[in-house]
N, C-alpha and C. Protein backbone atom coordinates (compact mmCIF):
# COMPACT_ATOMS: atom_id res chain seq x y z
N UNK A 1 8.81 0.42 24.08
CA UNK A 1 7.96 0.16 22.60
C UNK A 1 8.51 0.38 21.87
N UNK A 2 8.39 -0.37 20.95
CA UNK A 2 9.07 -0.86 19.42
C UNK A 2 7.69 0.20 18.93
N UNK A 3 8.29 1.34 18.14
CA UNK A 3 7.78 2.35 16.95
C UNK A 3 6.75 1.30 15.71
N UNK A 4 5.69 1.91 15.98
CA UNK A 4 5.09 0.93 15.21
C UNK A 4 4.92 1.89 13.38
N UNK A 5 4.94 1.40 12.59
CA UNK A 5 5.31 1.58 11.10
C UNK A 5 4.35 2.61 10.22
N UNK A 6 4.79 3.53 9.85
CA UNK A 6 4.07 4.65 9.27
C UNK A 6 3.79 3.89 7.58
N UNK A 7 2.27 4.24 7.25
CA UNK A 7 1.46 3.55 6.11
C UNK A 7 0.98 5.05 5.40
N UNK A 8 1.00 4.19 4.32
CA UNK A 8 0.18 5.21 3.38
C UNK A 8 -0.80 4.65 2.47
N UNK A 9 -2.38 5.22 2.44
CA UNK A 9 -3.25 4.68 2.24
C UNK A 9 -3.82 5.12 0.68
N UNK A 10 -3.63 4.91 0.12
CA UNK A 10 -4.28 5.78 -1.27
C UNK A 10 -5.31 4.62 -1.98
N UNK A 11 -6.27 5.46 -2.13
CA UNK A 11 -7.26 5.16 -3.02
C UNK A 11 -8.48 5.97 -3.36
N UNK A 12 -8.81 6.14 -4.39
CA UNK A 12 -9.81 7.25 -4.69
C UNK A 12 -11.22 7.28 -4.21
N UNK A 13 -11.28 6.15 -3.42
CA UNK A 13 -12.72 5.68 -2.64
C UNK A 13 -12.31 6.32 -1.47
N UNK A 14 -12.92 7.55 -0.82
CA UNK A 14 -12.81 8.35 0.59
C UNK A 14 -13.11 7.05 1.37
N UNK A 15 -14.57 6.44 1.33
CA UNK A 15 -14.86 5.77 2.46
C UNK A 15 -13.61 4.35 2.70
N UNK A 16 -12.62 4.16 1.17
CA UNK A 16 -12.12 2.47 1.80
C UNK A 16 -11.13 3.18 2.19
N UNK A 17 -10.36 4.45 2.08
CA UNK A 17 -9.07 4.88 2.85
C UNK A 17 -9.28 5.66 4.82
N UNK A 18 -11.43 5.51 4.61
CA UNK A 18 -11.56 5.85 5.93
C UNK A 18 -11.49 4.77 6.86
N UNK A 19 -11.86 3.39 6.12
CA UNK A 19 -12.35 1.56 6.88
C UNK A 19 -10.12 1.00 6.64
N UNK A 20 -9.28 1.50 6.10
CA UNK A 20 -8.37 1.24 5.91
C UNK A 20 -7.44 1.84 7.19
N UNK A 21 -7.84 3.04 7.28
CA UNK A 21 -7.35 3.76 8.47
C UNK A 21 -7.94 3.43 9.38
N UNK A 22 -8.81 3.36 9.93
CA UNK A 22 -9.64 3.02 11.29
C UNK A 22 -8.75 1.86 11.57
N UNK A 23 -9.03 0.65 10.54
CA UNK A 23 -8.23 -0.57 11.01
C UNK A 23 -6.90 -0.72 11.18
N UNK A 24 -6.43 -0.08 11.00
CA UNK A 24 -4.10 0.03 10.34
C UNK A 24 -4.66 1.10 11.77
N UNK A 25 -4.89 1.78 12.66
CA UNK A 25 -4.61 3.02 13.35
C UNK A 25 -5.08 2.09 15.14
N UNK A 26 -6.50 1.37 14.46
CA UNK A 26 -7.45 0.16 15.63
C UNK A 26 -5.60 -1.01 16.42
N UNK A 27 -4.94 -0.47 15.09
CA UNK A 27 -3.41 -1.61 15.73
C UNK A 27 -1.64 -0.60 15.82
N UNK A 28 -2.60 0.43 16.12
CA UNK A 28 -0.92 1.28 16.39
C UNK A 28 -0.27 1.83 15.16
N UNK A 29 -0.38 1.73 13.30
CA UNK A 29 -0.19 2.20 13.31
C UNK A 29 0.04 3.75 13.10
N UNK A 30 0.78 4.38 12.51
CA UNK A 30 0.42 5.97 11.93
C UNK A 30 0.20 5.80 10.85
N UNK A 31 -0.98 6.23 10.30
CA UNK A 31 -1.69 6.12 8.68
C UNK A 31 -1.92 7.73 8.29
N UNK A 32 -1.34 7.76 6.95
CA UNK A 32 -1.93 8.83 6.02
C UNK A 32 -2.44 8.45 4.96
N UNK A 33 -3.09 9.12 4.18
CA UNK A 33 -4.33 8.93 3.43
C UNK A 33 -4.00 9.11 1.79
N UNK A 34 -3.91 9.62 0.80
CA UNK A 34 -3.86 10.14 -0.63
C UNK A 34 -5.20 9.71 -1.01
N UNK A 35 -6.16 10.30 -2.17
CA UNK A 35 -7.19 10.26 -2.69
C UNK A 35 -6.98 9.72 -4.21
N UNK A 36 -5.60 9.93 -4.75
CA UNK A 36 -4.78 10.11 -6.27
C UNK A 36 -3.77 9.96 -5.93
N UNK A 37 -2.87 9.30 -6.78
CA UNK A 37 -1.50 8.33 -7.58
C UNK A 37 -1.17 10.17 -7.18
N UNK A 38 -0.95 11.01 -8.02
CA UNK A 38 0.19 11.70 -7.84
C UNK A 38 0.01 12.52 -6.40
N UNK A 39 -0.82 12.86 -5.97
CA UNK A 39 -0.91 13.00 -3.95
C UNK A 39 0.26 11.74 -3.21
N UNK A 40 -0.58 10.97 -3.91
CA UNK A 40 0.20 9.85 -2.87
C UNK A 40 2.03 10.01 -3.15
N UNK A 41 2.62 10.24 -4.74
CA UNK A 41 3.72 11.04 -4.79
C UNK A 41 4.47 11.83 -4.14
N UNK A 42 3.21 12.97 -4.90
CA UNK A 42 3.78 14.04 -3.66
C UNK A 42 4.10 13.55 -1.79
N UNK A 43 3.45 12.88 -1.17
CA UNK A 43 3.24 12.66 0.52
C UNK A 43 4.97 12.09 0.30
N UNK A 44 4.52 10.84 -0.57
CA UNK A 44 6.00 10.43 -0.49
C UNK A 44 7.42 10.29 -0.72
N UNK A 45 7.43 11.87 -1.56
CA UNK A 45 8.65 12.11 -1.57
C UNK A 45 8.60 13.48 -0.63
N UNK A 46 7.90 13.69 0.14
CA UNK A 46 7.95 14.44 1.59
C UNK A 46 8.25 13.91 3.00
N UNK A 47 8.11 12.63 2.94
CA UNK A 47 8.00 11.81 3.99
C UNK A 47 8.36 10.24 3.59
N UNK A 48 8.99 9.77 4.54
CA UNK A 48 9.40 8.49 4.49
C UNK A 48 7.87 7.16 4.91
N UNK A 49 7.46 6.19 4.34
CA UNK A 49 7.09 5.72 4.68
C UNK A 49 7.27 4.16 4.34
N UNK A 50 6.78 3.36 5.71
CA UNK A 50 7.45 1.31 5.66
C UNK A 50 6.80 1.03 4.46
N UNK A 51 5.33 1.27 4.10
CA UNK A 51 4.54 0.33 3.62
C UNK A 51 3.41 1.29 2.82
N UNK A 52 2.77 0.98 1.68
CA UNK A 52 1.78 1.31 0.46
C UNK A 52 0.97 0.39 0.14
N UNK A 53 -0.22 1.02 0.47
CA UNK A 53 -1.58 0.04 0.37
C UNK A 53 -2.11 0.74 -0.63
N UNK A 54 -2.24 0.36 -1.86
CA UNK A 54 -2.51 0.93 -3.20
C UNK A 54 -3.45 0.43 -4.21
N UNK A 55 -4.60 1.27 -4.36
CA UNK A 55 -5.71 0.78 -5.01
C UNK A 55 -4.84 0.60 -6.41
N UNK A 56 -5.03 0.48 -7.04
CA UNK A 56 -5.06 -0.13 -8.76
C UNK A 56 -5.62 0.64 -9.75
N UNK A 57 -6.92 0.96 -9.63
CA UNK A 57 -7.96 1.30 -10.82
C UNK A 57 -8.30 3.15 -10.05
N UNK A 58 -7.86 3.80 -10.68
CA UNK A 58 -7.96 5.18 -10.07
C UNK A 58 -7.86 6.42 -11.29
N UNK A 59 -8.56 7.57 -11.47
CA UNK A 59 -8.34 7.82 -12.15
C UNK A 59 -6.85 8.78 -12.71
N UNK A 60 -6.79 9.51 -13.87
CA UNK A 60 -5.49 9.68 -14.27
C UNK A 60 -4.41 8.33 -13.95
N UNK A 61 -3.52 8.66 -13.31
CA UNK A 61 -2.60 7.78 -13.32
C UNK A 61 -2.75 6.58 -12.61
N UNK A 62 -2.47 5.12 -13.00
CA UNK A 62 -2.99 3.81 -12.53
C UNK A 62 -2.53 3.34 -11.56
N UNK A 63 -2.23 2.73 -10.63
CA UNK A 63 -1.42 1.95 -9.46
C UNK A 63 -0.52 1.47 -9.65
N UNK A 64 -0.21 0.77 -11.24
CA UNK A 64 1.03 -0.02 -11.42
C UNK A 64 1.73 1.12 -12.19
N UNK A 65 1.78 2.09 -12.16
CA UNK A 65 2.35 3.16 -12.82
C UNK A 65 2.57 3.97 -11.63
N UNK A 66 2.18 3.89 -10.49
CA UNK A 66 2.52 4.56 -9.37
C UNK A 66 3.14 3.47 -8.90
N UNK A 67 3.33 2.34 -8.87
CA UNK A 67 3.97 1.72 -8.45
C UNK A 67 4.98 1.66 -8.48
N UNK A 68 5.21 1.79 -9.71
CA UNK A 68 7.34 1.83 -10.44
C UNK A 68 7.17 3.08 -9.92
N UNK A 69 6.46 3.81 -9.97
CA UNK A 69 7.35 5.67 -9.67
C UNK A 69 7.41 5.38 -8.66
N UNK A 70 6.71 4.51 -6.82
CA UNK A 70 7.03 4.28 -5.90
C UNK A 70 8.53 4.18 -5.48
N UNK A 71 8.55 2.52 -6.34
CA UNK A 71 9.62 1.61 -6.91
C UNK A 71 11.05 2.59 -6.60
N UNK A 72 11.20 3.99 -7.65
CA UNK A 72 11.79 4.40 -8.27
C UNK A 72 12.32 5.30 -6.88
N UNK A 73 11.69 6.38 -6.40
CA UNK A 73 11.80 7.13 -5.08
C UNK A 73 12.78 6.27 -3.89
N UNK A 74 11.49 4.88 -3.49
CA UNK A 74 12.63 3.74 -2.58
C UNK A 74 12.17 2.78 -2.64
N UNK A 75 13.06 2.02 -3.30
CA UNK A 75 13.12 0.36 -3.80
C UNK A 75 12.58 -0.24 -2.38
N UNK A 76 13.32 0.28 -0.73
CA UNK A 76 13.02 -0.16 -0.06
C UNK A 76 11.52 -0.19 0.98
N UNK A 77 10.70 0.69 -0.17
CA UNK A 77 9.29 0.90 0.74
C UNK A 77 8.72 -0.39 -0.29
N UNK A 78 7.64 -1.00 0.88
CA UNK A 78 6.78 -1.84 0.67
C UNK A 78 5.83 -1.64 0.35
N UNK A 79 4.78 -2.34 -1.20
CA UNK A 79 3.75 -1.72 -1.55
C UNK A 79 2.86 -2.69 -1.91
N UNK A 80 1.47 -3.20 -1.09
CA UNK A 80 0.85 -3.86 -1.42
C UNK A 80 -1.19 -3.17 -2.26
N UNK A 81 -1.29 -4.41 -3.65
CA UNK A 81 -1.60 -3.53 -4.34
C UNK A 81 -2.75 -4.63 -4.22
N UNK A 82 -3.87 -3.35 -4.08
CA UNK A 82 -5.45 -3.75 -3.85
C UNK A 82 -6.04 -3.64 -5.12
N UNK A 83 -7.45 -3.97 -5.69
CA UNK A 83 -8.15 -3.65 -7.14
C UNK A 83 -9.34 -4.75 -6.36
N UNK A 84 -10.43 -3.99 -7.40
CA UNK A 84 -11.92 -4.30 -7.20
C UNK A 84 -12.40 -5.25 -8.61
N UNK A 85 -11.39 -5.47 -9.62
CA UNK A 85 -10.94 -5.86 -11.02
C UNK A 85 -9.96 -6.49 -10.88
N UNK A 86 -9.86 -7.66 -10.75
CA UNK A 86 -8.43 -8.75 -10.81
C UNK A 86 -8.86 -9.12 -12.05
N UNK A 87 -7.15 -9.49 -12.26
CA UNK A 87 -7.53 -10.36 -13.24
C UNK A 87 -5.66 -10.58 -13.32
N UNK A 88 -5.22 -11.84 -14.29
CA UNK A 88 -4.04 -12.45 -14.05
C UNK A 88 -2.70 -11.10 -14.90
N UNK A 89 -3.59 -10.87 -15.84
CA UNK A 89 -2.43 -9.75 -16.57
C UNK A 89 -2.17 -8.58 -14.83
N UNK A 90 -3.13 -8.31 -14.74
CA UNK A 90 -2.75 -6.88 -13.86
C UNK A 90 -1.82 -7.47 -12.76
N UNK A 91 -2.29 -8.99 -12.34
CA UNK A 91 -1.34 -9.16 -10.55
C UNK A 91 0.23 -9.58 -11.18
N UNK A 92 0.11 -10.38 -12.93
CA UNK A 92 1.58 -10.23 -13.64
C UNK A 92 2.02 -9.24 -13.54
N UNK A 93 1.96 -7.63 -13.74
CA UNK A 93 2.23 -6.70 -13.79
C UNK A 93 2.17 -6.23 -12.19
N UNK A 94 1.94 -6.28 -11.52
CA UNK A 94 2.42 -5.84 -10.31
C UNK A 94 3.49 -6.45 -9.85
N UNK A 95 3.20 -7.98 -10.24
CA UNK A 95 4.88 -8.75 -9.15
C UNK A 95 6.02 -8.12 -10.25
N UNK A 96 5.95 -7.19 -11.58
CA UNK A 96 6.71 -7.26 -12.05
C UNK A 96 7.45 -5.89 -11.66
N UNK A 97 6.63 -5.05 -11.17
CA UNK A 97 6.97 -3.88 -10.75
C UNK A 97 7.35 -4.39 -8.73
N UNK A 98 7.25 -5.89 -8.64
CA UNK A 98 8.10 -5.74 -7.09
C UNK A 98 6.76 -5.21 -6.22
N UNK A 99 5.85 -5.56 -6.26
CA UNK A 99 4.18 -5.38 -5.37
C UNK A 99 4.62 -6.32 -4.46
N UNK A 100 4.25 -6.33 -3.23
CA UNK A 100 4.65 -7.44 -2.10
C UNK A 100 3.39 -8.09 -2.60
N UNK A 101 2.54 -7.94 -2.31
CA UNK A 101 1.39 -8.67 -2.50
C UNK A 101 -0.30 -7.84 -3.43
N UNK A 102 -1.42 -8.86 -3.59
CA UNK A 102 -2.13 -8.54 -4.34
C UNK A 102 -3.42 -8.93 -3.80
N UNK A 103 -3.81 -7.95 -3.19
CA UNK A 103 -5.19 -7.83 -2.68
C UNK A 103 -6.64 -7.79 -3.01
N UNK A 104 -7.68 -8.43 -3.53
CA UNK A 104 -8.71 -7.99 -3.66
C UNK A 104 -9.81 -7.47 -3.18
N UNK A 105 -10.43 -6.82 -3.43
CA UNK A 105 -12.06 -5.88 -3.27
C UNK A 105 -12.62 -6.57 -3.55
N UNK A 106 -13.77 -6.26 -2.50
CA UNK A 106 -14.26 -5.68 -1.02
C UNK A 106 -13.28 -6.91 -0.54
N UNK A 107 -13.17 -6.54 0.92
CA UNK A 107 -12.45 -7.17 2.15
C UNK A 107 -13.00 -8.16 2.74
N UNK A 108 -13.37 -9.61 2.45
CA UNK A 108 -14.34 -10.30 3.16
C UNK A 108 -13.52 -10.62 4.67
N UNK A 109 -12.33 -10.55 4.79
CA UNK A 109 -12.02 -10.49 5.87
C UNK A 109 -10.59 -9.48 6.46
N UNK A 110 -11.21 -8.75 7.19
CA UNK A 110 -9.97 -7.70 7.54
C UNK A 110 -8.91 -8.07 8.21
N UNK A 111 -9.03 -9.04 8.86
CA UNK A 111 -7.61 -9.68 10.00
C UNK A 111 -6.47 -10.38 8.27
N UNK A 112 -7.14 -10.63 6.87
CA UNK A 112 -6.44 -11.22 6.09
C UNK A 112 -5.74 -9.79 5.56
N UNK A 113 -6.14 -8.38 5.65
CA UNK A 113 -5.75 -7.24 5.59
C UNK A 113 -4.46 -7.14 6.35
N UNK A 114 -4.76 -7.34 7.41
CA UNK A 114 -3.59 -7.04 8.38
C UNK A 114 -2.73 -7.92 8.60
N UNK A 115 -2.89 -9.31 7.95
CA UNK A 115 -1.76 -9.91 8.02
C UNK A 115 -0.98 -9.98 7.13
N UNK A 116 -1.55 -9.24 5.36
CA UNK A 116 -0.37 -8.65 4.50
C UNK A 116 0.05 -7.60 4.92
N UNK A 117 -0.56 -6.68 6.11
CA UNK A 117 0.53 -5.53 6.00
C UNK A 117 1.22 -6.41 7.22
N UNK A 118 1.40 -6.64 8.64
CA UNK A 118 2.25 -7.43 9.32
C UNK A 118 3.39 -8.51 8.43
N UNK A 119 2.93 -9.00 7.17
CA UNK A 119 3.81 -10.13 6.28
C UNK A 119 4.73 -8.56 5.67
N UNK A 120 4.12 -8.11 5.02
CA UNK A 120 4.86 -6.91 4.23
C UNK A 120 6.13 -6.39 5.28
N UNK A 121 5.63 -5.80 6.06
CA UNK A 121 6.65 -5.39 6.98
C UNK A 121 7.89 -5.57 7.72
N UNK A 122 7.12 -7.47 7.79
CA UNK A 122 8.25 -8.16 8.54
C UNK A 122 9.16 -8.62 7.76
N UNK A 123 8.63 -8.32 6.12
CA UNK A 123 9.86 -8.55 5.20
C UNK A 123 10.90 -7.75 5.26
N UNK A 124 10.55 -6.54 4.67
CA UNK A 124 11.23 -4.62 5.32
C UNK A 124 12.18 -4.94 6.14
N UNK A 125 11.58 -5.52 7.44
CA UNK A 125 12.72 -5.38 8.65
C UNK A 125 13.81 -6.43 8.55
N UNK A 126 13.37 -7.43 7.95
CA UNK A 126 14.67 -8.44 7.54
C UNK A 126 14.87 -8.14 6.74
N UNK A 127 14.93 -6.77 5.74
CA UNK A 127 15.88 -6.68 4.05
C UNK A 127 16.72 -5.67 4.76
N UNK A 128 15.92 -4.76 6.11
CA UNK A 128 17.19 -4.05 6.53
C UNK A 128 17.68 -4.23 7.57
N UNK A 129 17.50 -5.40 8.02
CA UNK A 129 18.51 -5.84 8.84
C UNK A 129 17.71 -6.06 10.16
N UNK A 130 17.04 -5.31 10.67
CA UNK A 130 16.31 -4.59 11.80
C UNK A 130 15.90 -5.83 12.74
């Protein structure tokens, strides 16, 4: 059986982390979470993840700066950014820092989140030649 991907969920809202953990673990993914950008960077430095789902608006370091740093640690890590405060400027910055996708919260359709994750992981496998 194929090993499921490792995913890190980063959001300062514990309830959002819990929801995404439940959703993703239900699909068989190995899921960790972090409630701040610095905590996520520590976890990423200690372990590898295939995909990161990260909120953009967090206290301290925002998700876009975190995205830039994640790509410095390992450019192969797929990052999907999430926000409840979407704007064209934020979307452009996310693309500039190589975010794979941009999701707006609250999520109307959990299947859309799963589809974005699957799409990101498929792209990662393709790039790695798996």
